[in-house]
C-alpha cells in the first residue's frame, strides 16, 4: 500500500466517522425534539420536493430503500394524516403518494429545526472552509 493510498483510506474513515456522527446527532434531535424518525423526515422531504406526488416505486428509488421500507413509513405517515395515497386513473396497480396540507406544515417545522441543527453541527467552519469542502466533495463525487 502506498503512502497516498494509506492517506486516502484514513481520510475515508474520518469522512465516514463525521457522517455517522452527524446522522446519529440528527436522528436523536428528530426523536427528542420532534418525536419523529429520520426515515419519516426523509420521506416527507422527498414528497416536499415533488409536491404533485410520486408513485411508491419512485419514492423508493428516490430514497434508495426497498418498496417495503417506503410502504411502512408511508403507512404511518398516512395514519397521522401527513400523506395521502391516490390510485392512478390509468393503472390500478399504481399508487401515488403526496403530502397533505397538514404534512406540508409539519415538514416545514421539521425542516427548519433540521436546518438549524445542521448549521450548529458545522458552525466551526468558516465560509471559506465550506466553499473549499464543497468544492472537494463535488470533485470526488464527479458533480459540477
Protein backbone atom coordinates (compact mmCIF):
# COMPACT_ATOMS: atom_id res chain seq x y z
CA UNK A 1 0.00 0.00 0.00
CA UNK A 2 1.44 3.38 -0.98
CA UNK A 3 1.60 6.35 1.38
CA UNK A 4 -1.02 8.16 -0.73
CA UNK A 5 -3.26 5.11 -0.56
CA UNK A 6 -2.96 4.98 3.24
CA UNK A 7 -3.77 8.69 3.49
CA UNK A 8 -6.85 8.22 1.31
CA UNK A 9 -8.01 5.34 3.49
CA UNK A 10 -7.56 7.43 6.66
CA UNK A 11 -9.46 10.29 5.04
CA UNK A 12 -12.30 7.91 4.10
CA UNK A 13 -12.52 6.61 7.68
CA UNK A 14 -12.60 10.17 9.02
CA UNK A 15 -15.25 11.22 6.47
CA UNK A 16 -17.37 8.18 7.34
CA UNK A 17 -16.98 8.94 11.07
CA UNK A 18 -18.09 12.55 10.62
CA UNK A 19 -21.06 11.44 8.51
CA UNK A 20 -22.17 8.80 11.01
CA UNK A 21 -21.77 11.14 13.98
CA UNK A 22 -23.78 13.87 12.25
CA UNK A 23 -26.50 11.42 11.20
CA UNK A 24 -26.75 9.99 14.72
CA UNK A 25 -26.98 13.50 16.16
CA UNK A 26 -29.75 14.42 13.70
CA UNK A 27 -31.64 11.18 14.43
CA UNK A 28 -31.54 11.98 18.14
CA UNK A 29 -32.57 15.60 17.51
CA UNK A 30 -35.60 14.49 15.49
CA UNK A 31 -36.53 11.89 18.11
CA UNK A 32 -36.18 14.15 21.15
CA UNK A 33 -37.36 17.48 19.75
CA UNK A 34 -39.95 16.38 17.19
CA UNK A 35 -40.97 12.85 18.25
CA UNK A 36 -40.17 11.55 14.77
CA UNK A 37 -37.59 9.50 12.92
CA UNK A 38 -35.07 10.19 10.20
CA UNK A 39 -36.86 7.85 7.75
CA UNK A 40 -40.11 9.80 8.27
CA UNK A 41 -38.21 13.05 7.73
CA UNK A 42 -36.60 11.65 4.56
CA UNK A 43 -39.95 10.55 3.10
CA UNK A 44 -41.55 13.90 3.89
CA UNK A 45 -38.57 15.74 2.38
CA UNK A 46 -38.81 13.72 -0.83
CA UNK A 47 -42.53 14.43 -1.04
CA UNK A 48 -41.94 18.11 -0.29
CA UNK A 49 -39.67 18.32 -3.33
CA UNK A 50 -42.31 16.63 -5.50
CA UNK A 51 -45.47 18.38 -4.29
CA UNK A 52 -47.59 16.87 -7.06
CA UNK A 53 -46.88 13.41 -5.63
CA UNK A 54 -44.89 10.38 -6.73
CA UNK A 55 -45.54 6.71 -7.18
CA UNK A 56 -44.46 4.43 -4.38
CA UNK A 57 -41.83 2.95 -6.71
CA UNK A 58 -40.44 6.42 -7.49
CA UNK A 59 -40.34 7.22 -3.79
CA UNK A 60 -38.39 4.04 -3.06
CA UNK A 61 -35.88 4.88 -5.81
CA UNK A 62 -35.53 8.48 -4.61
CA UNK A 63 -34.74 7.28 -1.09
CA UNK A 64 -32.66 4.26 -2.13
CA UNK A 65 -34.79 1.94 0.01
CA UNK A 66 -36.96 -1.09 -0.68
CA UNK A 67 -40.62 -0.71 -1.58
CA UNK A 68 -41.43 -2.44 1.71
CA UNK A 69 -39.47 0.06 3.78
CA UNK A 70 -41.07 3.00 1.99
CA UNK A 71 -44.52 1.49 2.40
CA UNK A 72 -44.05 1.03 6.15
CA UNK A 73 -43.09 4.68 6.63
CA UNK A 74 -45.85 5.93 4.32
CA UNK A 75 -48.41 3.80 6.20
CA UNK A 76 -47.51 5.54 9.46
CA UNK A 77 -47.46 9.00 7.88
CA UNK A 78 -50.86 8.34 6.32
CA UNK A 79 -52.25 7.20 9.69
CA UNK A 80 -51.01 10.50 11.17
CA UNK A 81 -52.68 12.48 8.36
CA UNK A 82 -49.41 13.72 6.84
CA UNK A 83 -49.62 11.91 3.50
CA UNK A 84 -52.43 10.74 1.25
CA UNK A 85 -52.46 7.98 -1.31
CA UNK A 86 -54.43 8.04 -4.52
CA UNK A 87 -54.92 5.39 -7.16
CA UNK A 88 -53.69 6.08 -10.69
CA UNK A 89 -56.53 6.81 -13.07
CA UNK A 90 -54.84 4.78 -15.82
CA UNK A 91 -53.31 1.83 -13.91
CA UNK A 92 -54.99 0.36 -10.84
CA UNK A 93 -51.68 -1.13 -9.69
CA UNK A 94 -50.04 2.29 -9.44
CA UNK A 95 -50.49 4.32 -6.27
CA UNK A 96 -49.40 7.94 -5.90
CA UNK A 97 -48.46 9.42 -2.55
CA UNK A 98 -48.24 13.12 -1.64
CA UNK A 99 -48.04 15.31 1.43
CA UNK A 100 -51.31 16.59 2.81
CA UNK A 101 -51.61 20.22 3.90
CA UNK A 102 -51.00 19.08 7.49
CA UNK A 103 -47.98 17.09 6.30
CA UNK A 104 -46.53 20.09 4.47
CA UNK A 105 -46.91 22.27 7.59
CA UNK A 106 -45.38 19.59 9.80
CA UNK A 107 -42.48 19.18 7.38
CA UNK A 108 -41.81 22.94 7.35
CA UNK A 109 -41.38 22.80 11.13
CA UNK A 110 -39.16 19.71 10.92
CA UNK A 111 -37.08 21.20 8.10
CA UNK A 112 -36.47 24.44 9.99
CA UNK A 113 -35.28 22.51 13.05
CA UNK A 114 -33.18 20.18 10.91
CA UNK A 115 -31.51 23.09 9.11
CA UNK A 116 -30.74 24.83 12.41
CA UNK A 117 -29.26 21.64 13.83
CA UNK A 118 -27.08 21.06 10.74
CA UNK A 119 -25.94 24.66 11.00
CA UNK A 120 -24.92 24.08 14.64
CA UNK A 121 -23.06 20.89 13.70
CA UNK A 122 -20.89 22.76 11.20
CA UNK A 123 -20.75 26.15 12.92
CA UNK A 124 -17.00 25.76 13.37
CA UNK A 125 -16.45 26.01 9.61
CA UNK A 126 -15.89 29.40 8.02
CA UNK A 127 -17.46 30.42 4.71
CA UNK A 128 -14.11 29.73 3.10
CA UNK A 129 -13.96 26.26 4.71
CA UNK A 130 -17.47 25.50 3.45
CA UNK A 131 -16.59 26.61 -0.08
CA UNK A 132 -13.40 24.52 -0.13
CA UNK A 133 -15.07 21.45 1.35
CA UNK A 134 -18.00 21.72 -1.05
CA UNK A 135 -15.61 22.01 -3.99
CA UNK A 136 -13.63 18.99 -2.84
CA UNK A 137 -16.73 16.86 -2.34
CA UNK A 138 -18.06 17.86 -5.75
CA UNK A 139 -14.79 16.78 -7.35
CA UNK A 140 -14.82 13.46 -5.52
CA UNK A 141 -18.46 12.87 -6.45
CA UNK A 142 -17.98 13.94 -10.05
CA UNK A 143 -20.61 16.69 -9.70
CA UNK A 144 -20.23 20.10 -11.32
